[in-house]
Amino acid sequence: MHGAYRFPSGTARPRRRAPVLCPLPALFVALVTWACGSYGSEPAPEALIDREVFIGAYVDLRVAALRTDSQRIAHEDRSEILDRHGITEQHLLDFAETNADRLEFMRDVWNEVEVRLDAESMSEEVR
């Protein structure tokens, strides 16, 4: 058997592929995990941030993370970015939780995030 490891007993076991690490931002994973598992009370509609605020804040947080060697943002930097957008981390979580079941809407949100991150990446390369 090609690509198989033979145990001393003579049985072959196919080699496992190494897991592929997806470059999803940690915040996205946290948001989706939290949104899918949380069944608490829904925030009041007036407390929710709009789509553009969410996208802008998320992109700024991600860009800041990508500029570090560890791809982690210092607490002070995260706070400064969120303050600049006039929101808290809870606003981001509430937005994700409230819109988690709106698949097309959230697909469009993440597509827009990707477009803006690509544009940011291109502008960084030009500099």
C-alpha atoms as a PDB file:
ATOM      1  CA  MET A   1       0.000   0.000   0.000  1.00  0.00           C
ATOM      2  CA  HIS A   2       1.575   3.274  -1.102  1.00  0.00           C
ATOM      3  CA  GLY A   3       1.631   6.012   1.561  1.00  0.00           C
ATOM      4  CA  ALA A   4       0.611   3.668   4.365  1.00  0.00           C
ATOM      5  CA  TYR A   5       2.419   2.922   7.564  1.00  0.00           C
ATOM      6  CA  ARG A   6       2.787  -0.737   8.463  1.00  0.00           C
ATOM      7  CA  PHE A   7       2.384  -1.615  12.095  1.00  0.00           C
ATOM      8  CA  PRO A   8       4.542  -4.420  13.493  1.00  0.00           C
ATOM      9  CA  SER A   9       1.485  -6.678  13.262  1.00  0.00           C
ATOM     10  CA  GLY A  10       1.529  -6.187   9.492  1.00  0.00           C
ATOM     11  CA  THR A  11      -1.686  -4.178   9.287  1.00  0.00           C
ATOM     12  CA  ALA A  12      -1.586  -1.060   7.196  1.00  0.00           C
ATOM     13  CA  ARG A  13      -2.981   2.227   8.284  1.00  0.00           C
ATOM     14  CA  PRO A  14      -3.208   5.150   5.835  1.00  0.00           C
ATOM     15  CA  ARG A  15      -1.180   8.176   6.787  1.00  0.00           C
ATOM     16  CA  ARG A  16      -3.177  11.091   8.026  1.00  0.00           C
ATOM     17  CA  ARG A  17      -2.761  14.402   6.342  1.00  0.00           C
ATOM     18  CA  ALA A  18      -1.545  17.232   8.460  1.00  0.00           C
ATOM     19  CA  PRO A  19      -4.418  19.566   9.305  1.00  0.00           C
ATOM     20  CA  VAL A  20      -4.622  22.616   7.105  1.00  0.00           C
ATOM     21  CA  LEU A  21      -4.571  25.780   9.163  1.00  0.00           C
ATOM     22  CA  CYS A  22      -7.165  28.172   7.907  1.00  0.00           C
ATOM     23  CA  PRO A  23      -6.142  31.818   8.231  1.00  0.00           C
ATOM     24  CA  LEU A  24      -9.424  32.811   9.808  1.00  0.00           C
ATOM     25  CA  PRO A  25      -8.994  35.573  12.313  1.00  0.00           C
ATOM     26  CA  ALA A  26      -9.365  34.548  15.905  1.00  0.00           C
ATOM     27  CA  LEU A  27     -12.126  37.079  16.450  1.00  0.00           C
ATOM     28  CA  PHE A  28     -14.207  35.570  13.642  1.00  0.00           C
ATOM     29  CA  VAL A  29     -13.923  32.118  15.187  1.00  0.00           C
ATOM     30  CA  ALA A  30     -14.805  33.509  18.601  1.00  0.00           C
ATOM     31  CA  LEU A  31     -17.766  35.420  17.201  1.00  0.00           C
ATOM     32  CA  VAL A  32     -19.195  32.452  15.340  1.00  0.00           C
ATOM     33  CA  THR A  33     -18.642  30.083  18.268  1.00  0.00           C
ATOM     34  CA  TRP A  34     -20.213  32.480  20.690  1.00  0.00           C
ATOM     35  CA  ALA A  35     -23.096  33.359  18.342  1.00  0.00           C
ATOM     36  CA  CYS A  36     -23.935  29.730  17.631  1.00  0.00           C
ATOM     37  CA  GLY A  37     -23.820  28.644  21.255  1.00  0.00           C
ATOM     38  CA  SER A  38     -25.474  31.559  22.964  1.00  0.00           C
ATOM     39  CA  TYR A  39     -29.188  31.540  23.619  1.00  0.00           C
ATOM     40  CA  GLY A  40     -29.356  34.529  25.963  1.00  0.00           C
ATOM     41  CA  SER A  41     -31.679  37.449  25.591  1.00  0.00           C
ATOM     42  CA  GLU A  42     -31.363  39.392  22.378  1.00  0.00           C
ATOM     43  CA  PRO A  43     -30.058  42.951  22.696  1.00  0.00           C
ATOM     44  CA  ALA A  44     -32.405  45.819  22.040  1.00  0.00           C
ATOM     45  CA  PRO A  45     -32.314  46.881  18.362  1.00  0.00           C
ATOM     46  CA  GLU A  46     -31.177  50.401  19.233  1.00  0.00           C
ATOM     47  CA  ALA A  47     -28.118  48.920  20.978  1.00  0.00           C
ATOM     48  CA  LEU A  48     -26.940  47.142  17.824  1.00  0.00           C
ATOM     49  CA  ILE A  49     -24.240  48.646  15.671  1.00  0.00           C
ATOM     50  CA  ASP A  50     -24.843  48.863  11.958  1.00  0.00           C
ATOM     51  CA  ARG A  51     -23.157  46.806   9.268  1.00  0.00           C
ATOM     52  CA  GLU A  52     -20.654  49.498   8.266  1.00  0.00           C
ATOM     53  CA  VAL A  53     -19.481  50.063  11.840  1.00  0.00           C
ATOM     54  CA  PHE A  54     -18.986  46.317  12.332  1.00  0.00           C
ATOM     55  CA  ILE A  55     -17.056  45.939   9.075  1.00  0.00           C
ATOM     56  CA  GLY A  56     -14.905  49.019   9.683  1.00  0.00           C
ATOM     57  CA  ALA A  57     -14.000  48.005  13.226  1.00  0.00           C
ATOM     58  CA  TYR A  58     -13.359  44.393  12.295  1.00  0.00           C
ATOM     59  CA  VAL A  59     -11.113  45.342   9.370  1.00  0.00           C
ATOM     60  CA  ASP A  60      -9.150  47.796  11.520  1.00  0.00           C
ATOM     61  CA  LEU A  61      -8.694  45.150  14.224  1.00  0.00           C
ATOM     62  CA  ARG A  62      -7.583  42.561  11.692  1.00  0.00           C
ATOM     63  CA  VAL A  63      -5.154  44.930   9.952  1.00  0.00           C
ATOM     64  CA  ALA A  64      -3.641  45.850  13.321  1.00  0.00           C
ATOM     65  CA  ALA A  65      -3.216  42.155  14.131  1.00  0.00           C
ATOM     66  CA  LEU A  66      -1.620  41.409  10.764  1.00  0.00           C
ATOM     67  CA  ARG A  67       0.957  44.125  11.351  1.00  0.00           C
ATOM     68  CA  THR A  68       2.319  42.303  14.398  1.00  0.00           C
ATOM     69  CA  ASP A  69       4.650  39.316  14.391  1.00  0.00           C
ATOM     70  CA  SER A  70       2.304  37.329  16.613  1.00  0.00           C
ATOM     71  CA  GLN A  71      -0.878  38.450  14.829  1.00  0.00           C
ATOM     72  CA  ARG A  72      -2.243  39.438  18.235  1.00  0.00           C
ATOM     73  CA  ILE A  73      -3.307  42.919  19.194  1.00  0.00           C
ATOM     74  CA  ALA A  74      -2.242  44.402  22.499  1.00  0.00           C
ATOM     75  CA  HIS A  75      -5.169  45.191  24.785  1.00  0.00           C
ATOM     76  CA  GLU A  76      -4.413  48.927  24.612  1.00  0.00           C
ATOM     77  CA  ASP A  77      -4.371  48.884  20.804  1.00  0.00           C
ATOM     78  CA  ARG A  78      -7.633  46.927  20.662  1.00  0.00           C
ATOM     79  CA  SER A  79      -9.254  49.390  23.049  1.00  0.00           C
ATOM     80  CA  GLU A  80      -8.021  52.352  20.993  1.00  0.00           C
ATOM     81  CA  ILE A  81      -9.443  50.897  17.769  1.00  0.00           C
ATOM     82  CA  LEU A  82     -12.793  50.106  19.370  1.00  0.00           C
ATOM     83  CA  ASP A  83     -12.926  53.577  20.968  1.00  0.00           C
ATOM     84  CA  ARG A  84     -12.188  55.164  17.595  1.00  0.00           C
ATOM     85  CA  HIS A  85     -15.264  53.385  16.216  1.00  0.00           C
ATOM     86  CA  GLY A  86     -17.309  54.261  19.299  1.00  0.00           C
ATOM     87  CA  ILE A  87     -18.022  50.636  20.186  1.00  0.00           C
ATOM     88  CA  THR A  88     -17.020  47.869  22.567  1.00  0.00           C
ATOM     89  CA  GLU A  89     -16.135  44.235  22.003  1.00  0.00           C
ATOM     90  CA  GLN A  90     -19.637  43.421  23.224  1.00  0.00           C
ATOM     91  CA  HIS A  91     -21.099  45.444  20.332  1.00  0.00           C
ATOM     92  CA  LEU A  92     -19.207  43.189  17.885  1.00  0.00           C
ATOM     93  CA  LEU A  93     -20.432  40.079  19.665  1.00  0.00           C
ATOM     94  CA  ASP A  94     -24.031  41.341  19.784  1.00  0.00           C
ATOM     95  CA  PHE A  95     -23.934  42.128  16.057  1.00  0.00           C
ATOM     96  CA  ALA A  96     -22.700  38.610  15.255  1.00  0.00           C
ATOM     97  CA  GLU A  97     -25.188  36.942  17.581  1.00  0.00           C
ATOM     98  CA  THR A  98     -28.169  38.913  16.339  1.00  0.00           C
ATOM     99  CA  ASN A  99     -27.338  38.321  12.666  1.00  0.00           C
ATOM    100  CA  ALA A 100     -26.039  34.746  12.944  1.00  0.00           C
ATOM    101  CA  ASP A 101     -29.150  33.233  11.355  1.00  0.00           C
ATOM    102  CA  ARG A 102     -29.167  35.731   8.460  1.00  0.00           C
ATOM    103  CA  LEU A 103     -26.848  33.678   6.276  1.00  0.00           C
ATOM    104  CA  GLU A 104     -26.920  35.802   3.128  1.00  0.00           C
ATOM    105  CA  PHE A 105     -26.489  38.995   5.120  1.00  0.00           C
ATOM    106  CA  MET A 106     -23.503  37.624   7.038  1.00  0.00           C
ATOM    107  CA  ARG A 107     -22.011  36.157   3.855  1.00  0.00           C
ATOM    108  CA  ASP A 108     -22.130  39.638   2.357  1.00  0.00           C
ATOM    109  CA  VAL A 109     -20.601  41.122   5.521  1.00  0.00           C
ATOM    110  CA  TRP A 110     -17.653  38.693   5.421  1.00  0.00           C
ATOM    111  CA  ASN A 111     -17.245  39.220   1.673  1.00  0.00           C
ATOM    112  CA  GLU A 112     -17.007  42.963   2.276  1.00  0.00           C
ATOM    113  CA  VAL A 113     -14.488  42.387   5.071  1.00  0.00           C
ATOM    114  CA  GLU A 114     -12.390  40.300   2.677  1.00  0.00           C
ATOM    115  CA  VAL A 115     -12.588  42.952  -0.064  1.00  0.00           C
ATOM    116  CA  ARG A 116     -11.447  45.657   2.348  1.00  0.00           C
ATOM    117  CA  LEU A 117      -8.644  43.502   3.737  1.00  0.00           C
ATOM    118  CA  ASP A 118      -7.467  42.781   0.186  1.00  0.00           C
ATOM    119  CA  ALA A 119      -7.552  46.504  -0.615  1.00  0.00           C
ATOM    120  CA  GLU A 120      -5.594  47.252   2.552  1.00  0.00           C
ATOM    121  CA  SER A 121      -3.075  44.583   1.628  1.00  0.00           C
ATOM    122  CA  MET A 122      -2.650  46.082  -1.850  1.00  0.00           C
ATOM    123  CA  SER A 123      -2.149  49.572  -0.442  1.00  0.00           C
ATOM    124  CA  GLU A 124       0.494  48.202   1.977  1.00  0.00           C
ATOM    125  CA  GLU A 125       2.364  46.608  -0.945  1.00  0.00           C
ATOM    126  CA  VAL A 126       2.392  49.895  -2.855  1.00  0.00           C
ATOM    127  CA  ARG A 127       3.954  51.771   0.091  1.00  0.00           C
END
